[in-house]
PDB file of N, CA and C in Angstrom:
ATOM      1  N   MET A   1      46.101 -13.013  92.946  1.00  0.00           N
ATOM      2  CA  MET A   1      46.460 -13.393  91.171  1.00  0.00           C
ATOM      3  C   MET A   1      46.048 -14.806  90.973  1.00  0.00           C
ATOM      4  N   MET A   2      45.262 -15.009  89.969  1.00  0.00           N
ATOM      5  CA  MET A   2      45.172 -16.613  89.935  1.00  0.00           C
ATOM      6  C   MET A   2      46.313 -16.938  89.550  1.00  0.00           C
ATOM      7  N   LYS A   3      46.358 -18.505  89.366  1.00  0.00           N
ATOM      8  CA  LYS A   3      47.822 -18.991  88.586  1.00  0.00           C
ATOM      9  C   LYS A   3      46.812 -19.525  87.593  1.00  0.00           C
ATOM     10  N   GLN A   4      47.787 -19.459  86.686  1.00  0.00           N
ATOM     11  CA  GLN A   4      46.946 -20.153  85.129  1.00  0.00           C
ATOM     12  C   GLN A   4      47.364 -21.642  85.240  1.00  0.00           C
ATOM     13  N   GLN A   5      45.857 -22.458  84.769  1.00  0.00           N
ATOM     14  CA  GLN A   5      45.648 -23.920  84.558  1.00  0.00           C
ATOM     15  C   GLN A   5      46.885 -23.821  83.453  1.00  0.00           C
ATOM     16  N   LEU A   6      47.354 -24.995  83.832  1.00  0.00           N
ATOM     17  CA  LEU A   6      48.804 -25.728  82.562  1.00  0.00           C
ATOM     18  C   LEU A   6      47.696 -26.291  81.777  1.00  0.00           C
ATOM     19  N   GLU A   7      47.421 -26.556  80.663  1.00  0.00           N
ATOM     20  CA  GLU A   7      46.512 -27.400  79.705  1.00  0.00           C
ATOM     21  C   GLU A   7      48.220 -28.887  79.174  1.00  0.00           C
ATOM     22  N   LYS A   8      47.609 -30.088  80.012  1.00  0.00           N
ATOM     23  CA  LYS A   8      48.122 -31.274  80.157  1.00  0.00           C
ATOM     24  C   LYS A   8      47.722 -32.623  78.956  1.00  0.00           C
ATOM     25  N   HIS A   9      48.881 -33.065  78.357  1.00  0.00           N
ATOM     26  CA  HIS A   9      48.085 -34.470  77.775  1.00  0.00           C
ATOM     27  C   HIS A   9      48.908 -35.804  77.968  1.00  0.00           C
ATOM     28  N   THR A  10      48.605 -37.126  77.417  1.00  0.00           N
ATOM     29  CA  THR A  10      49.649 -38.064  78.042  1.00  0.00           C
ATOM     30  C   THR A  10      50.201 -38.701  76.793  1.00  0.00           C
ATOM     31  N   VAL A  11      51.205 -38.493  75.920  1.00  0.00           N
ATOM     32  CA  VAL A  11      51.333 -39.444  74.771  1.00  0.00           C
ATOM     33  C   VAL A  11      52.413 -40.644  74.822  1.00  0.00           C
ATOM     34  N   PRO A  12      52.325 -41.497  74.216  1.00  0.00           N
ATOM     35  CA  PRO A  12      52.827 -43.241  74.979  1.00  0.00           C
ATOM     36  C   PRO A  12      54.270 -42.575  74.155  1.00  0.00           C
ATOM     37  N   ILE A  13      55.190 -43.594  74.694  1.00  0.00           N
ATOM     38  CA  ILE A  13      56.929 -43.881  73.270  1.00  0.00           C
ATOM     39  C   ILE A  13      56.367 -44.976  73.665  1.00  0.00           C
ATOM     40  N   TRP A  14      57.125 -45.285  72.038  1.00  0.00           N
ATOM     41  CA  TRP A  14      57.060 -46.995  72.107  1.00  0.00           C
ATOM     42  C   TRP A  14      58.531 -47.214  71.866  1.00  0.00           C
ATOM     43  N   GLN A  15      59.164 -45.817  70.908  1.00  0.00           N
ATOM     44  CA  GLN A  15      61.131 -46.454  70.979  1.00  0.00           C
ATOM     45  C   GLN A  15      61.688 -45.083  70.869  1.00  0.00           C
ATOM     46  N   ILE A  16      62.897 -45.926  71.085  1.00  0.00           N
ATOM     47  CA  ILE A  16      64.084 -44.609  70.936  1.00  0.00           C
ATOM     48  C   ILE A  16      65.429 -44.903  70.331  1.00  0.00           C
ATOM     49  N   LYS A  17      65.978 -43.907  69.447  1.00  0.00           N
ATOM     50  CA  LYS A  17      66.722 -44.256  69.483  1.00  0.00           C
ATOM     51  C   LYS A  17      68.360 -43.223  69.304  1.00  0.00           C
ATOM     52  N   SER A  18      68.622 -44.180  68.971  1.00  0.00           N
ATOM     53  CA  SER A  18      70.797 -43.956  69.911  1.00  0.00           C
ATOM     54  C   SER A  18      71.077 -43.583  68.757  1.00  0.00           C
ATOM     55  N   LYS A  19      72.619 -43.060  68.478  1.00  0.00           N
ATOM     56  CA  LYS A  19      73.087 -42.627  67.519  1.00  0.00           C
ATOM     57  C   LYS A  19      73.476 -44.280  66.407  1.00  0.00           C
ATOM     58  N   THR A  20      73.705 -44.969  67.268  1.00  0.00           N
ATOM     59  CA  THR A  20      73.557 -46.521  67.266  1.00  0.00           C
ATOM     60  C   THR A  20      72.910 -47.413  66.846  1.00  0.00           C
ATOM     61  N   SER A  21      72.193 -47.517  67.779  1.00  0.00           N
ATOM     62  CA  SER A  21      71.100 -48.480  67.937  1.00  0.00           C
ATOM     63  C   SER A  21      69.808 -47.831  68.197  1.00  0.00           C
ATOM     64  N   THR A  22      68.857 -48.744  68.482  1.00  0.00           N
ATOM     65  CA  THR A  22      66.932 -48.168  68.199  1.00  0.00           C
ATOM     66  C   THR A  22      66.747 -49.419  69.380  1.00  0.00           C
ATOM     67  N   TYR A  23      65.938 -48.710  70.719  1.00  0.00           N
ATOM     68  CA  TYR A  23      65.218 -48.948  71.410  1.00  0.00           C
ATOM     69  C   TYR A  23      63.579 -49.367  71.457  1.00  0.00           C
ATOM     70  N   ARG A  24      63.272 -50.304  72.090  1.00  0.00           N
ATOM     71  CA  ARG A  24      61.511 -50.684  71.891  1.00  0.00           C
ATOM     72  C   ARG A  24      61.345 -50.731  73.632  1.00  0.00           C
ATOM     73  N   ALA A  25      60.281 -50.085  74.029  1.00  0.00           N
ATOM     74  CA  ALA A  25      59.786 -50.374  74.770  1.00  0.00           C
ATOM     75  C   ALA A  25      58.981 -51.211  75.192  1.00  0.00           C
ATOM     76  N   LYS A  26      58.771 -52.010  76.504  1.00  0.00           N
ATOM     77  CA  LYS A  26      58.324 -53.337  76.569  1.00  0.00           C
ATOM     78  C   LYS A  26      56.545 -52.982  76.440  1.00  0.00           C
ATOM     79  N   ILE A  27      56.308 -51.893  77.031  1.00  0.00           N
ATOM     80  CA  ILE A  27      55.436 -51.455  77.349  1.00  0.00           C
ATOM     81  C   ILE A  27      55.075 -49.785  77.407  1.00  0.00           C
ATOM     82  N   PRO A  28      54.322 -49.508  76.229  1.00  0.00           N
ATOM     83  CA  PRO A  28      54.333 -48.126  76.441  1.00  0.00           C
ATOM     84  C   PRO A  28      54.704 -47.100  77.942  1.00  0.00           C
ATOM     85  N   ILE A  29      55.577 -46.151  77.416  1.00  0.00           N
ATOM     86  CA  ILE A  29      55.714 -45.237  78.649  1.00  0.00           C
ATOM     87  C   ILE A  29      55.402 -44.032  78.665  1.00  0.00           C
ATOM     88  N   ALA A  30      54.727 -43.845  79.504  1.00  0.00           N
ATOM     89  CA  ALA A  30      53.331 -42.749  79.281  1.00  0.00           C
ATOM     90  C   ALA A  30      53.712 -41.425  79.243  1.00  0.00           C
ATOM     91  N   ILE A  31      54.058 -40.287  78.548  1.00  0.00           N
ATOM     92  CA  ILE A  31      54.500 -39.135  79.289  1.00  0.00           C
ATOM     93  C   ILE A  31      53.790 -38.324  79.322  1.00  0.00           C
ATOM     94  N   THR A  32      53.489 -37.509  79.897  1.00  0.00           N
ATOM     95  CA  THR A  32      52.649 -35.868  80.041  1.00  0.00           C
ATOM     96  C   THR A  32      53.627 -34.452  79.437  1.00  0.00           C
ATOM     97  N   ILE A  33      52.891 -34.385  78.126  1.00  0.00           N
ATOM     98  CA  ILE A  33      53.382 -32.843  78.226  1.00  0.00           C
ATOM     99  C   ILE A  33      52.283 -31.893  78.137  1.00  0.00           C
ATOM    100  N   PHE A  34      52.837 -30.725  78.260  1.00  0.00           N
ATOM    101  CA  PHE A  34      52.708 -29.535  79.540  1.00  0.00           C
ATOM    102  C   PHE A  34      53.573 -28.170  78.888  1.00  0.00           C
ATOM    103  N   LYS A  35      52.712 -26.841  77.888  1.00  0.00           N
ATOM    104  CA  LYS A  35      53.221 -25.596  77.672  1.00  0.00           C
ATOM    105  C   LYS A  35      53.495 -24.880  79.003  1.00  0.00           C
ATOM    106  N   ASP A  36      54.427 -24.339  79.920  1.00  0.00           N
ATOM    107  CA  ASP A  36      54.864 -23.172  80.622  1.00  0.00           C
ATOM    108  C   ASP A  36      55.193 -21.944  79.925  1.00  0.00           C
ATOM    109  N   ASN A  37      54.913 -20.947  80.023  1.00  0.00           N
ATOM    110  CA  ASN A  37      55.336 -19.946  79.304  1.00  0.00           C
ATOM    111  C   ASN A  37      56.128 -20.399  77.910  1.00  0.00           C
ATOM    112  N   SER A  38      56.753 -20.003  77.587  1.00  0.00           N
ATOM    113  CA  SER A  38      57.628 -20.895  76.044  1.00  0.00           C
ATOM    114  C   SER A  38      58.206 -21.979  76.154  1.00  0.00           C
ATOM    115  N   LEU A  39      58.208 -22.487  77.131  1.00  0.00           N
ATOM    116  CA  LEU A  39      58.210 -23.896  76.899  1.00  0.00           C
ATOM    117  C   LEU A  39      57.626 -24.975  76.765  1.00  0.00           C
ATOM    118  N   PHE A  40      58.090 -25.761  76.226  1.00  0.00           N
ATOM    119  CA  PHE A  40      57.327 -27.668  76.400  1.00  0.00           C
ATOM    120  C   PHE A  40      58.009 -28.081  77.431  1.00  0.00           C
ATOM    121  N   PHE A  41      57.216 -28.947  78.240  1.00  0.00           N
ATOM    122  CA  PHE A  41      57.922 -29.757  79.594  1.00  0.00           C
ATOM    123  C   PHE A  41      57.065 -31.336  78.977  1.00  0.00           C
ATOM    124  N   ALA A  42      58.394 -32.392  79.121  1.00  0.00           N
ATOM    125  CA  ALA A  42      57.676 -33.517  79.114  1.00  0.00           C
ATOM    126  C   ALA A  42      57.531 -34.357  80.107  1.00  0.00           C
ATOM    127  N   GLU A  43      57.414 -35.515  81.056  1.00  0.00           N
ATOM    128  CA  GLU A  43      57.488 -35.686  81.936  1.00  0.00           C
ATOM    129  C   GLU A  43      57.094 -37.361  82.510  1.00  0.00           C
ATOM    130  N   ASN A  44      57.439 -38.059  82.758  1.00  0.00           N
ATOM    131  CA  ASN A  44      56.970 -39.349  83.557  1.00  0.00           C
ATOM    132  C   ASN A  44      57.667 -39.194  85.295  1.00  0.00           C
ATOM    133  N   GLU A  45      56.463 -39.293  85.761  1.00  0.00           N
ATOM    134  CA  GLU A  45      56.757 -39.583  87.459  1.00  0.00           C
ATOM    135  C   GLU A  45      57.437 -40.629  88.480  1.00  0.00           C
ATOM    136  N   ASN A  46      56.807 -41.700  87.219  1.00  0.00           N
ATOM    137  CA  ASN A  46      57.453 -43.112  87.426  1.00  0.00           C
ATOM    138  C   ASN A  46      58.738 -42.806  87.179  1.00  0.00           C
ATOM    139  N   LEU A  47      59.399 -42.575  86.715  1.00  0.00           N
ATOM    140  CA  LEU A  47      60.908 -42.703  86.099  1.00  0.00           C
ATOM    141  C   LEU A  47      61.352 -41.623  86.326  1.00  0.00           C
ATOM    142  N   ASP A  48      61.089 -40.992  87.530  1.00  0.00           N
ATOM    143  CA  ASP A  48      61.726 -39.411  87.852  1.00  0.00           C
ATOM    144  C   ASP A  48      62.603 -38.601  86.775  1.00  0.00           C
ATOM    145  N   VAL A  49      61.918 -38.378  85.312  1.00  0.00           N
ATOM    146  CA  VAL A  49      62.578 -37.456  84.680  1.00  0.00           C
ATOM    147  C   VAL A  49      61.551 -36.974  83.856  1.00  0.00           C
ATOM    148  N   PHE A  50      62.447 -35.190  83.062  1.00  0.00           N
ATOM    149  CA  PHE A  50      61.909 -34.793  82.455  1.00  0.00           C
ATOM    150  C   PHE A  50      62.581 -34.260  81.273  1.00  0.00           C
ATOM    151  N   GLY A  51      62.084 -34.000  80.083  1.00  0.00           N
ATOM    152  CA  GLY A  51      62.490 -32.922  79.786  1.00  0.00           C
ATOM    153  C   GLY A  51      61.877 -31.452  78.908  1.00  0.00           C
ATOM    154  N   TYR A  52      62.524 -31.454  78.361  1.00  0.00           N
ATOM    155  CA  TYR A  52      62.087 -30.110  77.577  1.00  0.00           C
ATOM    156  C   TYR A  52      62.365 -29.207  76.371  1.00  0.00           C
ATOM    157  N   GLY A  53      61.957 -28.147  75.894  1.00  0.00           N
ATOM    158  CA  GLY A  53      62.514 -27.734  74.743  1.00  0.00           C
ATOM    159  C   GLY A  53      61.657 -26.593  74.573  1.00  0.00           C
ATOM    160  N   GLU A  54      61.449 -25.974  73.159  1.00  0.00           N
ATOM    161  CA  GLU A  54      60.858 -24.801  72.704  1.00  0.00           C
ATOM    162  C   GLU A  54      59.833 -25.391  71.808  1.00  0.00           C
ATOM    163  N   THR A  55      59.936 -26.669  71.435  1.00  0.00           N
ATOM    164  CA  THR A  55      58.339 -27.192  70.944  1.00  0.00           C
ATOM    165  C   THR A  55      58.731 -28.481  71.296  1.00  0.00           C
ATOM    166  N   GLN A  56      57.077 -28.873  71.272  1.00  0.00           N
ATOM    167  CA  GLN A  56      56.923 -30.345  71.578  1.00  0.00           C
ATOM    168  C   GLN A  56      57.077 -31.382  71.595  1.00  0.00           C
ATOM    169  N   GLY A  57      57.735 -31.239  70.595  1.00  0.00           N
ATOM    170  CA  GLY A  57      58.387 -32.247  69.409  1.00  0.00           C
ATOM    171  C   GLY A  57      60.113 -32.808  70.143  1.00  0.00           C
ATOM    172  N   ASN A  58      60.889 -30.996  70.592  1.00  0.00           N
ATOM    173  CA  ASN A  58      61.867 -30.785  71.168  1.00  0.00           C
ATOM    174  C   ASN A  58      62.012 -31.333  72.301  1.00  0.00           C
ATOM    175  N   ALA A  59      60.867 -31.055  73.124  1.00  0.00           N
ATOM    176  CA  ALA A  59      60.553 -31.719  74.415  1.00  0.00           C
ATOM    177  C   ALA A  59      60.816 -33.277  74.624  1.00  0.00           C
ATOM    178  N   MET A  60      59.809 -33.710  73.726  1.00  0.00           N
ATOM    179  CA  MET A  60      59.582 -34.927  73.891  1.00  0.00           C
ATOM    180  C   MET A  60      61.228 -35.912  73.220  1.00  0.00           C
ATOM    181  N   LEU A  61      61.785 -35.442  72.760  1.00  0.00           N
ATOM    182  CA  LEU A  61      63.182 -36.191  72.106  1.00  0.00           C
ATOM    183  C   LEU A  61      64.077 -35.813  73.287  1.00  0.00           C
ATOM    184  N   ASP A  62      64.239 -34.594  74.115  1.00  0.00           N
ATOM    185  CA  ASP A  62      64.937 -34.787  75.252  1.00  0.00           C
ATOM    186  C   ASP A  62      64.788 -35.530  76.040  1.00  0.00           C
ATOM    187  N   ILE A  63      63.264 -35.803  76.853  1.00  0.00           N
ATOM    188  CA  ILE A  63      63.115 -36.846  77.606  1.00  0.00           C
ATOM    189  C   ILE A  63      63.047 -38.647  77.272  1.00  0.00           C
ATOM    190  N   LYS A  64      63.489 -38.373  76.048  1.00  0.00           N
ATOM    191  CA  LYS A  64      63.636 -39.861  75.389  1.00  0.00           C
ATOM    192  C   LYS A  64      65.255 -39.882  75.424  1.00  0.00           C
ATOM    193  N   LEU A  65      66.104 -38.926  75.398  1.00  0.00           N
ATOM    194  CA  LEU A  65      67.003 -39.058  76.227  1.00  0.00           C
ATOM    195  C   LEU A  65      67.859 -38.860  77.251  1.00  0.00           C
ATOM    196  N   HIS A  66      66.895 -38.630  77.977  1.00  0.00           N
ATOM    197  CA  HIS A  66      67.452 -38.968  79.719  1.00  0.00           C
ATOM    198  C   HIS A  66      66.486 -40.232  79.651  1.00  0.00           C
ATOM    199  N   ILE A  67      65.745 -40.703  79.078  1.00  0.00           N
ATOM    200  CA  ILE A  67      65.306 -41.550  80.103  1.00  0.00           C
ATOM    201  C   ILE A  67      66.319 -42.796  79.164  1.00  0.00           C
ATOM    202  N   LEU A  68      66.725 -42.819  78.060  1.00  0.00           N
ATOM    203  CA  LEU A  68      67.765 -43.702  77.663  1.00  0.00           C
ATOM    204  C   LEU A  68      69.011 -43.584  78.422  1.00  0.00           C
ATOM    205  N   HIS A  69      69.098 -42.652  78.849  1.00  0.00           N
ATOM    206  CA  HIS A  69      70.718 -42.479  79.559  1.00  0.00           C
ATOM    207  C   HIS A  69      70.688 -43.043  81.083  1.00  0.00           C
ATOM    208  N   PHE A  70      69.593 -42.899  82.036  1.00  0.00           N
ATOM    209  CA  PHE A  70      69.511 -43.195  83.258  1.00  0.00           C
ATOM    210  C   PHE A  70      69.160 -44.594  82.791  1.00  0.00           C
ATOM    211  N   TYR A  71      68.538 -45.536  81.401  1.00  0.00           N
ATOM    212  CA  TYR A  71      68.025 -46.986  81.665  1.00  0.00           C
ATOM    213  C   TYR A  71      69.863 -47.804  81.002  1.00  0.00           C
ATOM    214  N   GLN A  72      70.692 -46.863  80.894  1.00  0.00           N
ATOM    215  CA  GLN A  72      71.777 -47.506  80.679  1.00  0.00           C
ATOM    216  C   GLN A  72      72.412 -47.370  81.829  1.00  0.00           C
ATOM    217  N   TYR A  73      72.195 -46.392  82.710  1.00  0.00           N
ATOM    218  CA  TYR A  73      72.993 -45.873  83.768  1.00  0.00           C
ATOM    219  C   TYR A  73      72.751 -46.521  84.807  1.00  0.00           C
ATOM    220  N   TYR A  74      71.548 -46.789  85.288  1.00  0.00           N
ATOM    221  CA  TYR A  74      71.159 -47.810  85.880  1.00  0.00           C
ATOM    222  C   TYR A  74      71.408 -49.979  86.143  1.00  0.00           C
ATOM    223  N   GLN A  75      71.390 -49.675  84.517  1.00  0.00           N
ATOM    224  CA  GLN A  75      71.817 -51.706  84.190  1.00  0.00           C
ATOM    225  C   GLN A  75      73.404 -51.698  84.886  1.00  0.00           C
ATOM    226  N   LYS A  76      74.159 -50.749  85.069  1.00  0.00           N
ATOM    227  CA  LYS A  76      75.474 -51.207  84.973  1.00  0.00           C
ATOM    228  C   LYS A  76      75.630 -50.714  86.778  1.00  0.00           C
ATOM    229  N   LEU A  77      74.783 -50.875  87.470  1.00  0.00           N
ATOM    230  CA  LEU A  77      74.423 -50.763  88.972  1.00  0.00           C
ATOM    231  C   LEU A  77      74.375 -51.487  89.670  1.00  0.00           C
ATOM    232  N   ASN A  78      74.653 -52.373  90.727  1.00  0.00           N
ATOM    233  CA  ASN A  78      74.453 -53.716  91.218  1.00  0.00           C
ATOM    234  C   ASN A  78      73.476 -53.194  92.479  1.00  0.00           C
ATOM    235  N   LYS A  79      72.407 -54.419  92.077  1.00  0.00           N
ATOM    236  CA  LYS A  79      71.587 -53.664  93.010  1.00  0.00           C
ATOM    237  C   LYS A  79      71.729 -53.660  94.965  1.00  0.00           C
ATOM    238  N   ASP A  80      72.936 -54.305  95.118  1.00  0.00           N
ATOM    239  CA  ASP A  80      73.136 -54.151  96.508  1.00  0.00           C
ATOM    240  C   ASP A  80      73.885 -53.159  96.776  1.00  0.00           C
ATOM    241  N   ASP A  81      74.091 -52.106  96.019  1.00  0.00           N
ATOM    242  CA  ASP A  81      74.861 -50.870  96.247  1.00  0.00           C
ATOM    243  C   ASP A  81      74.179 -49.398  96.661  1.00  0.00           C
ATOM    244  N   LEU A  82      72.301 -49.911  96.189  1.00  0.00           N
ATOM    245  CA  LEU A  82      71.564 -48.973  96.155  1.00  0.00           C
ATOM    246  C   LEU A  82      70.051 -49.061  97.104  1.00  0.00           C
ATOM    247  N   VAL A  83      70.095 -48.205  97.356  1.00  0.00           N
ATOM    248  CA  VAL A  83      69.273 -47.809  98.680  1.00  0.00           C
ATOM    249  C   VAL A  83      68.501 -47.040  98.346  1.00  0.00           C
ATOM    250  N   GLY A  84      67.257 -46.762  99.345  1.00  0.00           N
ATOM    251  CA  GLY A  84      65.657 -45.761  98.823  1.00  0.00           C
ATOM    252  C   GLY A  84      65.543 -45.474  97.400  1.00  0.00           C
ATOM    253  N   LYS A  85      65.282 -43.980  96.877  1.00  0.00           N
ATOM    254  CA  LYS A  85      64.655 -43.672  95.868  1.00  0.00           C
ATOM    255  C   LYS A  85      65.709 -44.480  94.672  1.00  0.00           C
ATOM    256  N   ALA A  86      66.866 -44.408  95.076  1.00  0.00           N
ATOM    257  CA  ALA A  86      68.094 -45.165  93.726  1.00  0.00           C
ATOM    258  C   ALA A  86      67.790 -46.566  93.396  1.00  0.00           C
ATOM    259  N   ALA A  87      67.542 -47.036  94.998  1.00  0.00           N
ATOM    260  CA  ALA A  87      67.160 -48.638  94.396  1.00  0.00           C
ATOM    261  C   ALA A  87      65.242 -48.730  93.633  1.00  0.00           C
ATOM    262  N   CYS A  88      64.909 -48.228  93.472  1.00  0.00           N
ATOM    263  CA  CYS A  88      63.575 -47.794  93.247  1.00  0.00           C
ATOM    264  C   CYS A  88      63.204 -47.944  91.730  1.00  0.00           C
ATOM    265  N   LEU A  89      64.232 -46.824  91.740  1.00  0.00           N
ATOM    266  CA  LEU A  89      64.460 -46.248  90.026  1.00  0.00           C
ATOM    267  C   LEU A  89      65.265 -47.310  89.040  1.00  0.00           C
ATOM    268  N   ARG A  90      65.937 -47.924  89.998  1.00  0.00           N
ATOM    269  CA  ARG A  90      66.788 -49.065  89.440  1.00  0.00           C
ATOM    270  C   ARG A  90      65.343 -50.471  88.987  1.00  0.00           C
ATOM    271  N   GLU A  91      64.641 -50.481  89.801  1.00  0.00           N
ATOM    272  CA  GLU A  91      63.758 -51.585  89.159  1.00  0.00           C
ATOM    273  C   GLU A  91      62.719 -50.984  88.769  1.00  0.00           C
ATOM    274  N   ALA A  92      62.383 -49.537  88.586  1.00  0.00           N
ATOM    275  CA  ALA A  92      61.695 -49.396  87.476  1.00  0.00           C
ATOM    276  C   ALA A  92      62.050 -48.999  85.730  1.00  0.00           C
ATOM    277  N   TYR A  93      63.517 -48.950  86.083  1.00  0.00           N
ATOM    278  CA  TYR A  93      64.450 -48.954  84.553  1.00  0.00           C
ATOM    279  C   TYR A  93      64.336 -50.640  83.802  1.00  0.00           C
ATOM    280  N   LYS A  94      64.163 -51.395  84.845  1.00  0.00           N
ATOM    281  CA  LYS A  94      64.759 -52.501  84.816  1.00  0.00           C
ATOM    282  C   LYS A  94      63.859 -53.389  83.766  1.00  0.00           C
ATOM    283  N   GLY A  95      64.307 -53.831  82.843  1.00  0.00           N
ATOM    284  CA  GLY A  95      63.854 -54.294  81.436  1.00  0.00           C
ATOM    285  C   GLY A  95      62.850 -53.285  80.979  1.00  0.00           C
ATOM    286  N   LEU A  96      62.873 -51.914  80.814  1.00  0.00           N
ATOM    287  CA  LEU A  96      61.902 -51.139  80.129  1.00  0.00           C
ATOM    288  C   LEU A  96      61.977 -50.969  79.131  1.00  0.00           C
ATOM    289  N   LEU A  97      63.460 -50.754  78.038  1.00  0.00           N
ATOM    290  CA  LEU A  97      63.490 -51.367  77.064  1.00  0.00           C
ATOM    291  C   LEU A  97      64.336 -52.404  76.659  1.00  0.00           C
ATOM    292  N   THR A  98      64.323 -52.910  75.156  1.00  0.00           N
ATOM    293  CA  THR A  98      64.864 -53.886  74.976  1.00  0.00           C
ATOM    294  C   THR A  98      65.532 -53.287  73.391  1.00  0.00           C
ATOM    295  N   GLU A  99      66.800 -53.502  73.220  1.00  0.00           N
ATOM    296  CA  GLU A  99      67.966 -53.285  72.272  1.00  0.00           C
ATOM    297  C   GLU A  99      67.096 -54.064  71.072  1.00  0.00           C
ATOM    298  N   GLU A 100      66.354 -52.990  69.999  1.00  0.00           N
ATOM    299  CA  GLU A 100      66.514 -54.467  68.189  1.00  0.00           C
ATOM    300  C   GLU A 100      67.929 -54.479  67.475  1.00  0.00           C
ATOM    301  N   HIS A 101      67.866 -55.471  66.996  1.00  0.00           N
ATOM    302  CA  HIS A 101      68.808 -55.775  66.412  1.00  0.00           C
ATOM    303  C   HIS A 101      68.562 -56.325  65.020  1.00  0.00           C
ATOM    304  N   LEU A 102      68.300 -55.272  63.850  1.00  0.00           N
ATOM    305  CA  LEU A 102      68.288 -55.639  62.206  1.00  0.00           C
ATOM    306  C   LEU A 102      69.296 -56.496  61.732  1.00  0.00           C
ATOM    307  N   CYS A 103      68.863 -57.116  61.252  1.00  0.00           N
ATOM    308  CA  CYS A 103      68.689 -58.482  59.724  1.00  0.00           C
ATOM    309  C   CYS A 103      69.388 -57.309  58.924  1.00  0.00           C
ATOM    310  N   ARG A 104      70.484 -57.612  58.580  1.00  0.00           N
ATOM    311  CA  ARG A 104      71.267 -56.973  57.430  1.00  0.00           C
ATOM    312  C   ARG A 104      71.357 -57.891  56.263  1.00  0.00           C
TER     313      ARG A 104
END
């Protein structure tokens, strides 16, 4: 039986919103989107992160939440306490986003 070829396309993330803040990507974060069976998947191999959902929009929202989580997580860690893949990921997430401060 031949395995189904998955159609993939890439979209950029420029902005991630949380409940309290908005973060802007310093450079676009390339996200690969594909559908497998009834779910959409969004992934970025360089950041070792993925999201999924029943729609492409839900998959994008899920991956944005994961990117923000890991961005904040790696900011708290001391680089001297990390080795291997974790040290590489800390560097990949370092400086990835900037928090926007809106003037009111």
